[in-house]
Protein backbone atom coordinates (compact mmCIF):
# COMPACT_ATOMS: atom_id res chain seq x y z
CA MET A 1 -18.14 -15.40 -33.09
CA TYR A 2 -18.30 -12.39 -30.70
CA ASN A 3 -15.53 -13.69 -28.68
CA LEU A 4 -13.22 -14.42 -31.70
CA LEU A 5 -13.61 -11.07 -33.47
CA GLY A 6 -16.37 -8.90 -32.50
CA LYS A 7 -14.75 -8.43 -28.96
CA ARG A 8 -11.65 -6.97 -30.33
CA VAL A 9 -13.48 -4.76 -32.66
CA PHE A 10 -15.74 -3.50 -29.56
CA ASP A 11 -12.52 -2.86 -27.53
CA VAL A 12 -10.66 -0.86 -30.30
CA LEU A 13 -13.71 1.38 -31.17
CA ALA A 14 -14.57 1.84 -27.33
CA SER A 15 -11.22 2.82 -26.21
CA SER A 16 -10.59 4.91 -29.25
CA ALA A 17 -13.66 6.78 -28.82
CA ALA A 18 -12.91 7.25 -25.05
CA LEU A 19 -9.32 8.17 -25.54
CA VAL A 20 -10.39 10.95 -28.18
CA CYS A 21 -13.54 12.11 -25.84
CA LEU A 22 -11.47 11.93 -22.37
CA SER A 23 -7.95 13.36 -23.82
CA PRO A 24 -8.65 16.85 -22.52
CA LEU A 25 -9.35 15.23 -18.91
CA MET A 26 -6.15 12.97 -19.01
CA LEU A 27 -3.99 15.84 -20.04
CA LEU A 28 -5.53 17.97 -17.00
CA ILE A 29 -4.72 15.06 -14.73
CA ALA A 30 -1.29 14.56 -16.14
CA ALA A 31 -0.40 18.19 -15.74
CA ALA A 32 -1.91 18.38 -12.16
CA ILE A 33 0.38 15.07 -11.41
CA ARG A 34 3.42 16.76 -13.03
CA LEU A 35 2.81 20.03 -11.08
CA GLU A 36 2.35 18.34 -7.80
CA ASP A 37 5.25 16.01 -7.89
CA ARG A 38 7.84 16.31 -10.62
CA GLY A 39 7.93 12.67 -11.27
CA PRO A 40 6.53 10.58 -14.19
CA THR A 41 2.60 10.95 -14.64
CA LEU A 42 2.07 7.41 -15.49
CA PHE A 43 2.86 4.64 -13.00
CA ARG A 44 3.73 1.29 -14.91
CA GLN A 45 3.44 -2.32 -13.43
CA LYS A 46 3.76 -5.83 -14.57
CA ARG A 47 0.65 -7.83 -14.51
CA VAL A 48 -0.82 -11.14 -15.56
CA GLY A 49 -2.40 -10.94 -18.92
CA ARG A 50 -4.24 -13.31 -21.17
CA GLY A 51 -2.72 -16.93 -21.05
CA GLY A 52 -0.66 -15.92 -18.06
CA HIS A 53 1.62 -13.69 -20.16
CA PRO A 54 3.04 -10.54 -18.43
CA PHE A 55 2.33 -7.14 -19.81
CA THR A 56 3.02 -3.64 -18.60
CA LEU A 57 -0.46 -1.88 -17.16
CA PHE A 58 -0.81 1.85 -17.20
CA LYS A 59 -2.30 3.92 -14.62
CA PHE A 60 -1.84 7.80 -13.53
CA ARG A 61 0.47 7.87 -10.65
CA SER A 62 -1.31 8.77 -7.50
CA MET A 63 1.80 8.20 -5.19
CA PRO A 64 5.19 10.12 -4.71
CA ALA A 65 7.62 9.53 -7.30
CA CYS A 66 10.05 7.61 -5.06
CA THR A 67 7.26 5.03 -3.78
CA ALA A 68 8.26 1.27 -4.04
CA ASP A 69 6.24 -0.93 -6.29
CA LEU A 70 3.30 -2.35 -4.05
CA PRO A 71 0.15 -4.28 -4.60
CA SER A 72 -3.04 -2.16 -3.93
CA ASP A 73 -3.92 -3.88 -0.89
CA LYS A 74 -0.70 -2.45 0.66
CA ALA A 75 -1.20 0.82 -0.91
CA LYS A 76 -2.95 2.20 2.15
CA THR A 77 0.22 1.89 3.92
CA VAL A 78 1.97 4.74 2.10
CA ARG A 79 1.43 8.24 1.45
CA ILE A 80 -0.80 9.10 -1.48
CA THR A 81 -0.64 12.78 -2.95
CA PRO A 82 -3.62 14.99 -3.01
CA ILE A 83 -4.23 14.57 -6.73
CA GLY A 84 -3.64 11.03 -6.20
CA ARG A 85 -6.35 10.88 -3.66
CA LEU A 86 -8.76 12.42 -5.76
CA ILE A 87 -8.13 10.27 -9.05
CA ARG A 88 -8.25 7.24 -6.98
CA ARG A 89 -11.54 8.27 -5.46
CA THR A 90 -13.07 8.94 -8.82
CA ASN A 91 -11.38 5.75 -10.42
CA LEU A 92 -9.71 8.36 -12.99
CA ASP A 93 -6.26 6.80 -12.32
CA GLU A 94 -7.44 3.84 -14.37
CA LEU A 95 -8.05 6.05 -17.64
CA PRO A 96 -4.47 5.20 -19.26
CA GLN A 97 -5.56 1.41 -19.38
CA LEU A 98 -7.53 2.63 -22.31
CA ILE A 99 -4.22 2.56 -24.12
CA ASN A 100 -3.52 -1.04 -22.82
CA ILE A 101 -7.03 -2.04 -24.34
CA LEU A 102 -6.13 -0.34 -27.73
CA ARG A 103 -2.56 -2.06 -27.81
CA GLY A 104 -4.52 -5.34 -27.21
CA ASP A 105 -2.96 -6.12 -23.70
CA MET A 106 -6.52 -5.57 -22.05
CA SER A 107 -10.16 -5.68 -23.03
CA VAL A 108 -12.98 -3.24 -22.10
CA VAL A 109 -14.67 -6.22 -20.14
CA GLY A 110 -12.88 -9.24 -18.58
CA PRO A 111 -11.11 -10.19 -15.20
CA ARG A 112 -9.12 -7.34 -13.67
CA PRO A 113 -5.56 -8.11 -14.41
CA ALA A 114 -3.74 -9.86 -11.32
CA LEU A 115 -0.36 -8.86 -10.02
CA PRO A 116 2.34 -11.58 -10.33
CA SER A 117 2.47 -12.01 -6.71
CA GLN A 118 -1.38 -12.96 -6.56
CA ASN A 119 -0.74 -16.73 -7.19
CA GLU A 120 -4.10 -17.98 -5.80
CA LEU A 121 -6.26 -15.65 -7.95
CA THR A 122 -4.10 -16.69 -11.12
CA GLU A 123 -4.16 -20.63 -10.32
CA SER A 124 -7.99 -20.18 -9.98
CA ARG A 125 -8.20 -18.43 -13.28
CA ILE A 126 -6.05 -21.26 -14.95
CA SER A 127 -8.43 -24.02 -13.44
CA ASN A 128 -11.80 -22.22 -14.35
CA GLY A 129 -10.62 -20.97 -17.88
CA ALA A 130 -10.64 -17.14 -17.11
CA ILE A 131 -6.87 -17.01 -17.81
CA ALA A 132 -7.81 -17.46 -21.45
CA CYS A 133 -9.44 -13.93 -21.30
CA ARG A 134 -7.80 -10.83 -21.82
CA PRO A 135 -7.84 -8.64 -18.50
CA GLY A 136 -10.51 -6.17 -18.46
CA LEU A 137 -10.95 -2.35 -17.40
CA THR A 138 -13.98 -3.58 -15.59
CA GLY A 139 -15.73 -7.03 -15.31
CA LEU A 140 -18.25 -8.98 -13.61
CA ALA A 141 -16.42 -9.13 -10.41
CA GLN A 142 -16.28 -5.43 -10.08
CA ILE A 143 -19.94 -4.89 -10.54
CA ASN A 144 -20.40 -7.22 -7.80
CA SER A 145 -18.40 -5.32 -5.11
CA TYR A 146 -14.81 -6.28 -6.16
CA ASP A 147 -13.13 -4.29 -3.46
CA GLY A 148 -12.08 -6.46 -0.23
CA MET A 149 -13.51 -9.58 -2.17
CA ALA A 150 -11.37 -12.84 -1.79
CA ALA A 151 -9.34 -14.29 -4.47
CA ALA A 152 -11.50 -17.29 -4.49
CA GLN A 153 -14.78 -15.25 -5.11
CA LYS A 154 -12.96 -12.91 -7.80
CA ALA A 155 -12.14 -16.01 -9.54
CA LEU A 156 -15.67 -17.48 -9.29
CA TRP A 157 -16.93 -14.26 -10.71
CA ASP A 158 -14.05 -14.35 -13.64
CA GLY A 159 -14.97 -17.97 -14.30
CA ARG A 160 -18.58 -17.34 -14.73
CA TYR A 161 -17.62 -14.51 -17.14
CA ALA A 162 -15.30 -16.54 -19.23
CA ALA A 163 -18.08 -19.40 -19.61
CA ARG A 164 -20.31 -17.01 -21.17
CA ILE A 165 -18.83 -14.11 -23.30
CA THR A 166 -21.43 -12.20 -25.39
CA PHE A 167 -21.81 -8.53 -26.63
CA ALA A 168 -24.88 -8.04 -24.83
CA GLY A 169 -23.19 -9.32 -21.43
CA ASP A 170 -20.15 -6.94 -22.11
CA LEU A 171 -22.37 -4.04 -22.92
CA ARG A 172 -24.64 -4.83 -19.66
CA ILE A 173 -21.38 -5.10 -17.73
CA THR A 174 -20.17 -1.85 -19.00
CA LEU A 175 -23.38 -0.16 -18.20
CA LEU A 176 -23.50 -1.34 -14.68
CA THR A 177 -19.98 -0.31 -14.08
CA PHE A 178 -21.04 3.23 -14.45
CA ARG A 179 -23.68 2.60 -11.32
CA TYR A 180 -20.54 1.05 -9.38
CA LEU A 181 -18.64 4.33 -10.03
CA LEU A 182 -21.32 6.30 -8.79
CA LYS A 183 -20.96 4.48 -5.17
CA PRO A 184 -19.65 6.43 -2.57
CA PRO A 185 -15.70 6.25 -2.96
CA PRO A 186 -13.50 4.48 -0.60
CA VAL A 187 -11.53 6.37 1.83
CA TYR A 188 -7.79 6.18 1.61
């Protein structure tokens, strides 16, 4: 029952509350990005959503406005703005995804949304049923050292999550995400 209705209710309530509480911080970040580099504050990128359907993911922009659209593993090869470095290290660049959750493109917890070019990850999610889940702001792979994890390993964690979605599990993953966020940040 939770997966059919309760999960969406949890997503709407959690993302709405987070947007209200974090809106001053989000406005401050948007202003800092705008002052540093006159381009748009939000970065939009096509991602693979529930059922393999594409959607537009929102993030705060961390690279100069003229930067080409790149997957995150290639982002180390381009310049990141000073504000961008800060918001990436603290994961604050992900906050606009709360809008994706409110819109129904994403969930608070689920597999991280893949890029259309990540064929191996998408195919693995199709085979293990994780493609039926809304992509998440956080997930089981994230709390198990997502950064640098191979696509097959990510898909394994995603499949485990998809096989057993519960409110208690989602709450546990959400709380463990805060512990993950307290780890020393990656250096870009």
